[in-house]
Amino acid sequence: MKIQKDSKSIDIGKVKKVNEFGKVIGLMFSRREKADSLLFEFKKPTKMKIHSCFVFFDFLAIWLDNKGKIISSEIVKPFRLGVGIKEPFYKLLEIPINKKNKRVIEISRR
């Protein structure tokens, strides 16, 4: 999957598109090195907040518009409540901070 940051495209590799049940679970109870990057897609723009309860590692949350352009991003620490942005978004990526995602994390944080 590719996302847009400023004028450049970032290939974040393989992501797992989550279903409605997956939107509830997210990265909870996953192991850092085995966790997949998750894509949450919404039919309408939303301002939904996320939490990191029962996620025992940091992850990068990236909020996207309907064209895949980055609106905002944040490193989310374990056991945080009410993480979100003020602008509406269509997609949310949760990328575990682990060895396989190291390059993506570095590029997206620049």
PDB file of N, CA and C in Angstrom:
ATOM      1  N   MET A   1       0.845  -1.181   0.000  1.00  0.00           N
ATOM      2  CA  MET A   1       0.000   0.000   0.000  1.00  0.00           C
ATOM      3  C   MET A   1       0.887   1.238   0.000  1.00  0.00           C
ATOM      4  N   LYS A   2       0.453   2.243  -0.750  1.00  0.00           N
ATOM      5  CA  LYS A   2       1.185   3.504  -0.810  1.00  0.00           C
ATOM      6  C   LYS A   2       0.323   4.619  -0.234  1.00  0.00           C
ATOM      7  N   ILE A   3       0.992   5.535   0.473  1.00  0.00           N
ATOM      8  CA  ILE A   3       0.321   6.711   1.008  1.00  0.00           C
ATOM      9  C   ILE A   3       1.088   7.948   0.561  1.00  0.00           C
ATOM     10  N   GLN A   4       0.429   9.101   0.593  1.00  0.00           N
ATOM     11  CA  GLN A   4       1.034  10.352   0.144  1.00  0.00           C
ATOM     12  C   GLN A   4       1.411  11.230   1.330  1.00  0.00           C
ATOM     13  N   LYS A   5       2.658  11.665   1.350  1.00  0.00           N
ATOM     14  CA  LYS A   5       3.108  12.652   2.336  1.00  0.00           C
ATOM     15  C   LYS A   5       3.742  13.786   1.561  1.00  0.00           C
ATOM     16  N   ASP A   6       3.158  14.965   1.686  1.00  0.00           N
ATOM     17  CA  ASP A   6       3.578  16.123   0.910  1.00  0.00           C
ATOM     18  C   ASP A   6       3.507  15.746  -0.567  1.00  0.00           C
ATOM     19  N   SER A   7       4.600  15.819  -1.290  1.00  0.00           N
ATOM     20  CA  SER A   7       4.566  15.487  -2.717  1.00  0.00           C
ATOM     21  C   SER A   7       5.158  14.116  -3.004  1.00  0.00           C
ATOM     22  N   LYS A   8       5.524  13.362  -1.962  1.00  0.00           N
ATOM     23  CA  LYS A   8       6.133  12.058  -2.217  1.00  0.00           C
ATOM     24  C   LYS A   8       5.229  10.916  -1.772  1.00  0.00           C
ATOM     25  N   SER A   9       5.442   9.779  -2.409  1.00  0.00           N
ATOM     26  CA  SER A   9       4.686   8.571  -2.121  1.00  0.00           C
ATOM     27  C   SER A   9       5.526   7.657  -1.231  1.00  0.00           C
ATOM     28  N   ILE A  10       4.905   7.105  -0.200  1.00  0.00           N
ATOM     29  CA  ILE A  10       5.593   6.200   0.720  1.00  0.00           C
ATOM     30  C   ILE A  10       4.961   4.825   0.602  1.00  0.00           C
ATOM     31  N   ASP A  11       5.775   3.823   0.277  1.00  0.00           N
ATOM     32  CA  ASP A  11       5.290   2.445   0.214  1.00  0.00           C
ATOM     33  C   ASP A  11       5.416   1.846   1.607  1.00  0.00           C
ATOM     34  N   ILE A  12       4.283   1.547   2.227  1.00  0.00           N
ATOM     35  CA  ILE A  12       4.335   1.000   3.578  1.00  0.00           C
ATOM     36  C   ILE A  12       4.250  -0.519   3.594  1.00  0.00           C
ATOM     37  N   GLY A  13       4.262  -1.115   2.417  1.00  0.00           N
ATOM     38  CA  GLY A  13       4.271  -2.572   2.341  1.00  0.00           C
ATOM     39  C   GLY A  13       2.888  -3.175   2.548  1.00  0.00           C
ATOM     40  N   LYS A  14       2.898  -4.394   3.042  1.00  0.00           N
ATOM     41  CA  LYS A  14       1.669  -5.166   3.209  1.00  0.00           C
ATOM     42  C   LYS A  14       0.890  -4.683   4.435  1.00  0.00           C
ATOM     43  N   VAL A  15      -0.402  -4.461   4.241  1.00  0.00           N
ATOM     44  CA  VAL A  15      -1.287  -4.112   5.352  1.00  0.00           C
ATOM     45  C   VAL A  15      -2.484  -5.052   5.341  1.00  0.00           C
ATOM     46  N   LYS A  16      -3.045  -5.265   6.497  1.00  0.00           N
ATOM     47  CA  LYS A  16      -4.222  -6.117   6.630  1.00  0.00           C
ATOM     48  C   LYS A  16      -5.441  -5.213   6.788  1.00  0.00           C
ATOM     49  N   LYS A  17      -6.381  -5.322   5.849  1.00  0.00           N
ATOM     50  CA  LYS A  17      -7.614  -4.548   5.921  1.00  0.00           C
ATOM     51  C   LYS A  17      -8.527  -5.222   6.947  1.00  0.00           C
ATOM     52  N   VAL A  18      -8.990  -4.462   7.926  1.00  0.00           N
ATOM     53  CA  VAL A  18      -9.789  -5.060   8.995  1.00  0.00           C
ATOM     54  C   VAL A  18     -11.282  -4.961   8.700  1.00  0.00           C
ATOM     55  N   ASN A  19     -12.022  -5.973   9.171  1.00  0.00           N
ATOM     56  CA  ASN A  19     -13.477  -5.964   9.045  1.00  0.00           C
ATOM     57  C   ASN A  19     -14.067  -5.244  10.257  1.00  0.00           C
ATOM     58  N   GLU A  20     -15.375  -5.270  10.398  1.00  0.00           N
ATOM     59  CA  GLU A  20     -16.020  -4.555  11.506  1.00  0.00           C
ATOM     60  C   GLU A  20     -15.547  -5.075  12.864  1.00  0.00           C
ATOM     61  N   PHE A  21     -15.396  -6.380  13.011  1.00  0.00           N
ATOM     62  CA  PHE A  21     -14.898  -6.940  14.274  1.00  0.00           C
ATOM     63  C   PHE A  21     -13.456  -6.511  14.509  1.00  0.00           C
ATOM     64  N   GLY A  22     -12.663  -6.500  13.457  1.00  0.00           N
ATOM     65  CA  GLY A  22     -11.268  -6.078  13.557  1.00  0.00           C
ATOM     66  C   GLY A  22     -11.127  -4.629  13.975  1.00  0.00           C
ATOM     67  N   LYS A  23     -12.126  -3.803  13.636  1.00  0.00           N
ATOM     68  CA  LYS A  23     -12.097  -2.396  14.048  1.00  0.00           C
ATOM     69  C   LYS A  23     -12.216  -2.265  15.562  1.00  0.00           C
ATOM     70  N   VAL A  24     -12.856  -3.228  16.195  1.00  0.00           N
ATOM     71  CA  VAL A  24     -12.991  -3.215  17.652  1.00  0.00           C
ATOM     72  C   VAL A  24     -11.704  -3.707  18.311  1.00  0.00           C
ATOM     73  N   ILE A  25     -11.091  -4.734  17.750  1.00  0.00           N
ATOM     74  CA  ILE A  25      -9.912  -5.368  18.353  1.00  0.00           C
ATOM     75  C   ILE A  25      -8.614  -4.636  18.013  1.00  0.00           C
ATOM     76  N   GLY A  26      -8.424  -4.256  16.759  1.00  0.00           N
ATOM     77  CA  GLY A  26      -7.195  -3.572  16.348  1.00  0.00           C
ATOM     78  C   GLY A  26      -5.952  -4.362  16.720  1.00  0.00           C
ATOM     79  N   LEU A  27      -4.997  -3.717  17.351  1.00  0.00           N
ATOM     80  CA  LEU A  27      -3.733  -4.361  17.736  1.00  0.00           C
ATOM     81  C   LEU A  27      -3.767  -4.966  19.144  1.00  0.00           C
ATOM     82  N   MET A  28      -4.913  -4.910  19.804  1.00  0.00           N
ATOM     83  CA  MET A  28      -4.985  -5.431  21.171  1.00  0.00           C
ATOM     84  C   MET A  28      -4.541  -6.889  21.228  1.00  0.00           C
ATOM     85  N   PHE A  29      -3.769  -7.214  22.238  1.00  0.00           N
ATOM     86  CA  PHE A  29      -3.286  -8.557  22.545  1.00  0.00           C
ATOM     87  C   PHE A  29      -2.323  -9.123  21.499  1.00  0.00           C
ATOM     88  N   SER A  30      -1.882  -8.302  20.555  1.00  0.00           N
ATOM     89  CA  SER A  30      -0.900  -8.744  19.552  1.00  0.00           C
ATOM     90  C   SER A  30       0.498  -8.703  20.146  1.00  0.00           C
ATOM     91  N   ARG A  31       1.380  -9.496  19.567  1.00  0.00           N
ATOM     92  CA  ARG A  31       2.792  -9.439  19.938  1.00  0.00           C
ATOM     93  C   ARG A  31       3.495  -8.501  18.971  1.00  0.00           C
ATOM     94  N   ARG A  32       4.397  -7.695  19.495  1.00  0.00           N
ATOM     95  CA  ARG A  32       5.055  -6.650  18.703  1.00  0.00           C
ATOM     96  C   ARG A  32       5.610  -7.171  17.380  1.00  0.00           C
ATOM     97  N   GLU A  33       6.441  -8.183  17.406  1.00  0.00           N
ATOM     98  CA  GLU A  33       7.120  -8.640  16.187  1.00  0.00           C
ATOM     99  C   GLU A  33       6.204  -9.407  15.239  1.00  0.00           C
ATOM    100  N   LYS A  34       5.099  -9.940  15.732  1.00  0.00           N
ATOM    101  CA  LYS A  34       4.186 -10.696  14.873  1.00  0.00           C
ATOM    102  C   LYS A  34       2.993  -9.868  14.406  1.00  0.00           C
ATOM    103  N   ALA A  35       2.838  -8.675  14.947  1.00  0.00           N
ATOM    104  CA  ALA A  35       1.670  -7.843  14.629  1.00  0.00           C
ATOM    105  C   ALA A  35       1.733  -7.329  13.192  1.00  0.00           C
ATOM    106  N   ASP A  36       0.598  -7.390  12.514  1.00  0.00           N
ATOM    107  CA  ASP A  36       0.475  -6.853  11.159  1.00  0.00           C
ATOM    108  C   ASP A  36       0.131  -5.370  11.221  1.00  0.00           C
ATOM    109  N   SER A  37       0.482  -4.653  10.171  1.00  0.00           N
ATOM    110  CA  SER A  37      -0.001  -3.281  10.009  1.00  0.00           C
ATOM    111  C   SER A  37      -1.471  -3.377   9.622  1.00  0.00           C
ATOM    112  N   LEU A  38      -2.305  -2.554  10.228  1.00  0.00           N
ATOM    113  CA  LEU A  38      -3.749  -2.641  10.024  1.00  0.00           C
ATOM    114  C   LEU A  38      -4.287  -1.397   9.329  1.00  0.00           C
ATOM    115  N   LEU A  39      -5.240  -1.620   8.420  1.00  0.00           N
ATOM    116  CA  LEU A  39      -5.915  -0.533   7.715  1.00  0.00           C
ATOM    117  C   LEU A  39      -7.393  -0.547   8.088  1.00  0.00           C
ATOM    118  N   PHE A  40      -7.859   0.561   8.640  1.00  0.00           N
ATOM    119  CA  PHE A  40      -9.265   0.750   8.975  1.00  0.00           C
ATOM    120  C   PHE A  40      -9.846   1.698   7.931  1.00  0.00           C
ATOM    121  N   GLU A  41     -10.883   1.253   7.215  1.00  0.00           N
ATOM    122  CA  GLU A  41     -11.524   2.103   6.207  1.00  0.00           C
ATOM    123  C   GLU A  41     -12.951   2.408   6.647  1.00  0.00           C
ATOM    124  N   PHE A  42     -13.374   3.642   6.417  1.00  0.00           N
ATOM    125  CA  PHE A  42     -14.707   4.077   6.805  1.00  0.00           C
ATOM    126  C   PHE A  42     -15.432   4.619   5.579  1.00  0.00           C
ATOM    127  N   LYS A  43     -16.732   4.335   5.470  1.00  0.00           N
ATOM    128  CA  LYS A  43     -17.513   4.765   4.313  1.00  0.00           C
ATOM    129  C   LYS A  43     -17.754   6.270   4.311  1.00  0.00           C
ATOM    130  N   LYS A  44     -17.866   6.836   5.501  1.00  0.00           N
ATOM    131  CA  LYS A  44     -18.091   8.276   5.651  1.00  0.00           C
ATOM    132  C   LYS A  44     -16.947   8.857   6.467  1.00  0.00           C
ATOM    133  N   PRO A  45     -16.688  10.152   6.321  1.00  0.00           N
ATOM    134  CA  PRO A  45     -15.638  10.753   7.151  1.00  0.00           C
ATOM    135  C   PRO A  45     -16.014  10.645   8.631  1.00  0.00           C
ATOM    136  N   THR A  46     -15.020  10.406   9.458  1.00  0.00           N
ATOM    137  CA  THR A  46     -15.258  10.224  10.890  1.00  0.00           C
ATOM    138  C   THR A  46     -14.202  10.966  11.704  1.00  0.00           C
ATOM    139  N   LYS A  47     -14.520  11.225  12.948  1.00  0.00           N
ATOM    140  CA  LYS A  47     -13.572  11.816  13.895  1.00  0.00           C
ATOM    141  C   LYS A  47     -13.366  10.857  15.072  1.00  0.00           C
ATOM    142  N   MET A  48     -13.627   9.578  14.828  1.00  0.00           N
ATOM    143  CA  MET A  48     -13.549   8.555  15.858  1.00  0.00           C
ATOM    144  C   MET A  48     -12.201   8.580  16.586  1.00  0.00           C
ATOM    145  N   LYS A  49     -12.233   8.372  17.875  1.00  0.00           N
ATOM    146  CA  LYS A  49     -11.021   8.278  18.691  1.00  0.00           C
ATOM    147  C   LYS A  49     -10.622   6.810  18.810  1.00  0.00           C
ATOM    148  N   ILE A  50      -9.329   6.575  19.040  1.00  0.00           N
ATOM    149  CA  ILE A  50      -8.845   5.214  19.265  1.00  0.00           C
ATOM    150  C   ILE A  50      -8.234   5.149  20.660  1.00  0.00           C
ATOM    151  N   HIS A  51      -7.954   3.929  21.098  1.00  0.00           N
ATOM    152  CA  HIS A  51      -7.265   3.728  22.370  1.00  0.00           C
ATOM    153  C   HIS A  51      -6.210   2.650  22.173  1.00  0.00           C
ATOM    154  N   SER A  52      -5.310   2.548  23.136  1.00  0.00           N
ATOM    155  CA  SER A  52      -4.278   1.505  23.052  1.00  0.00           C
ATOM    156  C   SER A  52      -4.293   0.623  24.298  1.00  0.00           C
ATOM    157  N   CYS A  53      -5.487   0.442  24.868  1.00  0.00           N
ATOM    158  CA  CYS A  53      -5.624  -0.479  25.995  1.00  0.00           C
ATOM    159  C   CYS A  53      -5.303  -1.892  25.513  1.00  0.00           C
ATOM    160  N   PHE A  54      -4.535  -2.614  26.271  1.00  0.00           N
ATOM    161  CA  PHE A  54      -4.119  -3.983  25.959  1.00  0.00           C
ATOM    162  C   PHE A  54      -3.248  -4.086  24.710  1.00  0.00           C
ATOM    163  N   VAL A  55      -2.653  -2.976  24.322  1.00  0.00           N
ATOM    164  CA  VAL A  55      -1.598  -2.980  23.301  1.00  0.00           C
ATOM    165  C   VAL A  55      -0.319  -2.687  24.079  1.00  0.00           C
ATOM    166  N   PHE A  56       0.584  -3.651  24.121  1.00  0.00           N
ATOM    167  CA  PHE A  56       1.742  -3.589  25.008  1.00  0.00           C
ATOM    168  C   PHE A  56       2.995  -3.035  24.337  1.00  0.00           C
ATOM    169  N   PHE A  57       2.828  -2.320  23.234  1.00  0.00           N
ATOM    170  CA  PHE A  57       3.958  -1.739  22.508  1.00  0.00           C
ATOM    171  C   PHE A  57       3.498  -0.459  21.822  1.00  0.00           C
ATOM    172  N   ASP A  58       4.454   0.383  21.460  1.00  0.00           N
ATOM    173  CA  ASP A  58       4.150   1.612  20.725  1.00  0.00           C
ATOM    174  C   ASP A  58       3.759   1.263  19.287  1.00  0.00           C
ATOM    175  N   PHE A  59       2.894   2.080  18.706  1.00  0.00           N
ATOM    176  CA  PHE A  59       2.587   1.940  17.282  1.00  0.00           C
ATOM    177  C   PHE A  59       2.386   3.325  16.686  1.00  0.00           C
ATOM    178  N   LEU A  60       2.542   3.392  15.379  1.00  0.00           N
ATOM    179  CA  LEU A  60       2.342   4.632  14.644  1.00  0.00           C
ATOM    180  C   LEU A  60       0.922   4.636  14.093  1.00  0.00           C
ATOM    181  N   ALA A  61       0.145   5.646  14.453  1.00  0.00           N
ATOM    182  CA  ALA A  61      -1.195   5.832  13.899  1.00  0.00           C
ATOM    183  C   ALA A  61      -1.093   6.910  12.821  1.00  0.00           C
ATOM    184  N   ILE A  62      -1.614   6.595  11.635  1.00  0.00           N
ATOM    185  CA  ILE A  62      -1.609   7.550  10.525  1.00  0.00           C
ATOM    186  C   ILE A  62      -3.046   7.717  10.042  1.00  0.00           C
ATOM    187  N   TRP A  63      -3.545   8.938  10.105  1.00  0.00           N
ATOM    188  CA  TRP A  63      -4.888   9.256   9.649  1.00  0.00           C
ATOM    189  C   TRP A  63      -4.796   9.770   8.220  1.00  0.00           C
ATOM    190  N   LEU A  64      -5.655   9.234   7.330  1.00  0.00           N
ATOM    191  CA  LEU A  64      -5.605   9.540   5.900  1.00  0.00           C
ATOM    192  C   LEU A  64      -6.934  10.093   5.401  1.00  0.00           C
ATOM    193  N   ASP A  65      -6.853  10.908   4.332  1.00  0.00           N
ATOM    194  CA  ASP A  65      -8.076  11.356   3.675  1.00  0.00           C
ATOM    195  C   ASP A  65      -8.529  10.285   2.687  1.00  0.00           C
ATOM    196  N   ASN A  66      -9.571  10.578   1.911  1.00  0.00           N
ATOM    197  CA  ASN A  66     -10.108   9.575   0.983  1.00  0.00           C
ATOM    198  C   ASN A  66      -9.191   9.287  -0.204  1.00  0.00           C
ATOM    199  N   LYS A  67      -8.147  10.087  -0.400  1.00  0.00           N
ATOM    200  CA  LYS A  67      -7.202   9.862  -1.495  1.00  0.00           C
ATOM    201  C   LYS A  67      -5.895   9.235  -1.020  1.00  0.00           C
ATOM    202  N   GLY A  68      -5.812   8.910   0.270  1.00  0.00           N
ATOM    203  CA  GLY A  68      -4.597   8.292   0.797  1.00  0.00           C
ATOM    204  C   GLY A  68      -3.521   9.280   1.195  1.00  0.00           C
ATOM    205  N   LYS A  69      -3.881  10.549   1.316  1.00  0.00           N
ATOM    206  CA  LYS A  69      -2.921  11.572   1.734  1.00  0.00           C
ATOM    207  C   LYS A  69      -2.938  11.678   3.258  1.00  0.00           C
ATOM    208  N   ILE A  70      -1.755  11.791   3.854  1.00  0.00           N
ATOM    209  CA  ILE A  70      -1.644  11.861   5.307  1.00  0.00           C
ATOM    210  C   ILE A  70      -2.224  13.176   5.825  1.00  0.00           C
ATOM    211  N   ILE A  71      -3.153  13.061   6.761  1.00  0.00           N
ATOM    212  CA  ILE A  71      -3.700  14.225   7.458  1.00  0.00           C
ATOM    213  C   ILE A  71      -2.864  14.486   8.706  1.00  0.00           C
ATOM    214  N   SER A  72      -2.585  13.404   9.445  1.00  0.00           N
ATOM    215  CA  SER A  72      -1.830  13.519  10.687  1.00  0.00           C
ATOM    216  C   SER A  72      -1.262  12.153  11.053  1.00  0.00           C
ATOM    217  N   SER A  73      -0.254  12.161  11.925  1.00  0.00           N
ATOM    218  CA  SER A  73       0.300  10.903  12.437  1.00  0.00           C
ATOM    219  C   SER A  73       0.773  11.120  13.863  1.00  0.00           C
ATOM    220  N   GLU A  74       0.832  10.034  14.605  1.00  0.00           N
ATOM    221  CA  GLU A  74       1.238  10.119  16.012  1.00  0.00           C
ATOM    222  C   GLU A  74       1.747   8.762  16.483  1.00  0.00           C
ATOM    223  N   ILE A  75       2.805   8.779  17.285  1.00  0.00           N
ATOM    224  CA  ILE A  75       3.253   7.566  17.961  1.00  0.00           C
ATOM    225  C   ILE A  75       2.347   7.389  19.176  1.00  0.00           C
ATOM    226  N   VAL A  76       1.671   6.245  19.244  1.00  0.00           N
ATOM    227  CA  VAL A  76       0.742   5.969  20.337  1.00  0.00           C
ATOM    228  C   VAL A  76       1.418   5.018  21.320  1.00  0.00           C
ATOM    229  N   LYS A  77       1.467   5.425  22.560  1.00  0.00           N
ATOM    230  CA  LYS A  77       2.055   4.627  23.640  1.00  0.00           C
ATOM    231  C   LYS A  77       1.007   3.659  24.190  1.00  0.00           C
ATOM    232  N   PRO A  78       1.440   2.583  24.860  1.00  0.00           N
ATOM    233  CA  PRO A  78       0.485   1.623  25.440  1.00  0.00           C
ATOM    234  C   PRO A  78      -0.463   2.266  26.458  1.00  0.00           C
ATOM    235  N   PHE A  79      -1.672   1.739  26.488  1.00  0.00           N
ATOM    236  CA  PHE A  79      -2.694   2.077  27.478  1.00  0.00           C
ATOM    237  C   PHE A  79      -3.098   3.554  27.492  1.00  0.00           C
ATOM    238  N   ARG A  80      -3.236   4.137  26.307  1.00  0.00           N
ATOM    239  CA  ARG A  80      -3.739   5.516  26.190  1.00  0.00           C
ATOM    240  C   ARG A  80      -5.193   5.486  25.738  1.00  0.00           C
ATOM    241  N   LEU A  81      -5.948   6.441  26.217  1.00  0.00           N
ATOM    242  CA  LEU A  81      -7.358   6.576  25.841  1.00  0.00           C
ATOM    243  C   LEU A  81      -7.564   7.846  25.022  1.00  0.00           C
ATOM    244  N   GLY A  82      -8.572   7.839  24.165  1.00  0.00           N
ATOM    245  CA  GLY A  82      -8.987   9.047  23.456  1.00  0.00           C
ATOM    246  C   GLY A  82      -7.961   9.659  22.529  1.00  0.00           C
ATOM    247  N   VAL A  83      -7.277   8.835  21.751  1.00  0.00           N
ATOM    248  CA  VAL A  83      -6.285   9.335  20.801  1.00  0.00           C
ATOM    249  C   VAL A  83      -7.006   9.637  19.488  1.00  0.00           C
ATOM    250  N   GLY A  84      -6.838  10.833  18.982  1.00  0.00           N
ATOM    251  CA  GLY A  84      -7.507  11.176  17.734  1.00  0.00           C
ATOM    252  C   GLY A  84      -7.067  12.528  17.215  1.00  0.00           C
ATOM    253  N   ILE A  85      -7.738  12.941  16.152  1.00  0.00           N
ATOM    254  CA  ILE A  85      -7.455  14.238  15.535  1.00  0.00           C
ATOM    255  C   ILE A  85      -8.766  15.005  15.395  1.00  0.00           C
ATOM    256  N   LYS A  86      -8.671  16.302  15.159  1.00  0.00           N
ATOM    257  CA  LYS A  86      -9.865  17.147  15.042  1.00  0.00           C
ATOM    258  C   LYS A  86     -10.510  17.053  13.670  1.00  0.00           C
ATOM    259  N   GLU A  87      -9.689  16.808  12.638  1.00  0.00           N
ATOM    260  CA  GLU A  87     -10.197  16.752  11.272  1.00  0.00           C
ATOM    261  C   GLU A  87     -10.857  15.394  11.002  1.00  0.00           C
ATOM    262  N   PRO A  88     -11.883  15.372  10.151  1.00  0.00           N
ATOM    263  CA  PRO A  88     -12.457  14.086   9.755  1.00  0.00           C
ATOM    264  C   PRO A  88     -11.492  13.321   8.853  1.00  0.00           C
ATOM    265  N   PHE A  89     -11.555  11.995   8.915  1.00  0.00           N
ATOM    266  CA  PHE A  89     -10.685  11.146   8.105  1.00  0.00           C
ATOM    267  C   PHE A  89     -11.478   9.965   7.565  1.00  0.00           C
ATOM    268  N   TYR A  90     -10.940   9.327   6.525  1.00  0.00           N
ATOM    269  CA  TYR A  90     -11.574   8.171   5.904  1.00  0.00           C
ATOM    270  C   TYR A  90     -10.852   6.866   6.207  1.00  0.00           C
ATOM    271  N   LYS A  91      -9.563   6.962   6.492  1.00  0.00           N
ATOM    272  CA  LYS A  91      -8.754   5.761   6.723  1.00  0.00           C
ATOM    273  C   LYS A  91      -7.820   6.000   7.900  1.00  0.00           C
ATOM    274  N   LEU A  92      -7.510   4.908   8.584  1.00  0.00           N
ATOM    275  CA  LEU A  92      -6.559   4.948   9.682  1.00  0.00           C
ATOM    276  C   LEU A  92      -5.630   3.753   9.537  1.00  0.00           C
ATOM    277  N   LEU A  93      -4.346   4.009   9.624  1.00  0.00           N
ATOM    278  CA  LEU A  93      -3.346   2.940   9.625  1.00  0.00           C
ATOM    279  C   LEU A  93      -2.774   2.819  11.026  1.00  0.00           C
ATOM    280  N   GLU A  94      -2.660   1.598  11.511  1.00  0.00           N
ATOM    281  CA  GLU A  94      -1.954   1.323  12.757  1.00  0.00           C
ATOM    282  C   GLU A  94      -0.751   0.470  12.384  1.00  0.00           C
ATOM    283  N   ILE A  95       0.437   1.030  12.549  1.00  0.00           N
ATOM    284  CA  ILE A  95       1.668   0.356  12.150  1.00  0.00           C
ATOM    285  C   ILE A  95       2.495   0.066  13.397  1.00  0.00           C
ATOM    286  N   PRO A  96       2.642  -1.222  13.756  1.00  0.00           N
ATOM    287  CA  PRO A  96       3.441  -1.565  14.938  1.00  0.00           C
ATOM    288  C   PRO A  96       4.886  -1.110  14.769  1.00  0.00           C
ATOM    289  N   ILE A  97       5.464  -0.590  15.820  1.00  0.00           N
ATOM    290  CA  ILE A  97       6.872  -0.207  15.770  1.00  0.00           C
ATOM    291  C   ILE A  97       7.679  -1.454  16.107  1.00  0.00           C
ATOM    292  N   ASN A  98       8.142  -2.103  15.044  1.00  0.00           N
ATOM    293  CA  ASN A  98       8.933  -3.328  15.184  1.00  0.00           C
ATOM    294  C   ASN A  98       9.999  -3.362  14.090  1.00  0.00           C
ATOM    295  N   LYS A  99      10.768  -4.429  14.053  1.00  0.00           N
ATOM    296  CA  LYS A  99      11.890  -4.514  13.107  1.00  0.00           C
ATOM    297  C   LYS A  99      11.438  -4.434  11.655  1.00  0.00           C
ATOM    298  N   LYS A 100      10.357  -5.121  11.310  1.00  0.00           N
ATOM    299  CA  LYS A 100       9.949  -5.148   9.899  1.00  0.00           C
ATOM    300  C   LYS A 100       9.387  -3.811   9.418  1.00  0.00           C
ATOM    301  N   ASN A 101       8.953  -2.948  10.333  1.00  0.00           N
ATOM    302  CA  ASN A 101       8.392  -1.647   9.953  1.00  0.00           C
ATOM    303  C   ASN A 101       9.329  -0.482  10.224  1.00  0.00           C
ATOM    304  N   LYS A 102      10.554  -0.750  10.607  1.00  0.00           N
ATOM    305  CA  LYS A 102      11.499   0.297  10.998  1.00  0.00           C
ATOM    306  C   LYS A 102      11.673   1.360   9.902  1.00  0.00           C
ATOM    307  N   ARG A 103      11.851   0.938   8.662  1.00  0.00           N
ATOM    308  CA  ARG A 103      12.059   1.875   7.555  1.00  0.00           C
ATOM    309  C   ARG A 103      10.823   2.751   7.334  1.00  0.00           C
ATOM    310  N   VAL A 104       9.656   2.158   7.379  1.00  0.00           N
ATOM    311  CA  VAL A 104       8.410   2.901   7.183  1.00  0.00           C
ATOM    312  C   VAL A 104       8.230   3.950   8.279  1.00  0.00           C
ATOM    313  N   ILE A 105       8.523   3.576   9.506  1.00  0.00           N
ATOM    314  CA  ILE A 105       8.384   4.500  10.635  1.00  0.00           C
ATOM    315  C   ILE A 105       9.312   5.696  10.444  1.00  0.00           C
ATOM    316  N   GLU A 106      10.557   5.432  10.077  1.00  0.00           N
ATOM    317  CA  GLU A 106      11.536   6.510   9.886  1.00  0.00           C
ATOM    318  C   GLU A 106      11.109   7.468   8.782  1.00  0.00           C
ATOM    319  N   ILE A 107      10.658   6.932   7.657  1.00  0.00           N
ATOM    320  CA  ILE A 107      10.256   7.763   6.516  1.00  0.00           C
ATOM    321  C   ILE A 107       9.020   8.589   6.856  1.00  0.00           C
ATOM    322  N   SER A 108       8.029   7.977   7.470  1.00  0.00           N
ATOM    323  CA  SER A 108       6.772   8.681   7.726  1.00  0.00           C
ATOM    324  C   SER A 108       6.897   9.747   8.804  1.00  0.00           C
ATOM    325  N   ARG A 109       7.897   9.663   9.663  1.00  0.00           N
ATOM    326  CA  ARG A 109       8.073  10.639  10.741  1.00  0.00           C
ATOM    327  C   ARG A 109       8.881  11.861  10.305  1.00  0.00           C
ATOM    328  N   ARG A 110       9.467  11.850   9.114  1.00  0.00           N
ATOM    329  CA  ARG A 110      10.269  12.997   8.640  1.00  0.00           C
ATOM    330  C   ARG A 110       9.414  14.191   8.346  1.00  0.00           C
TER     331      ARG A 110
END
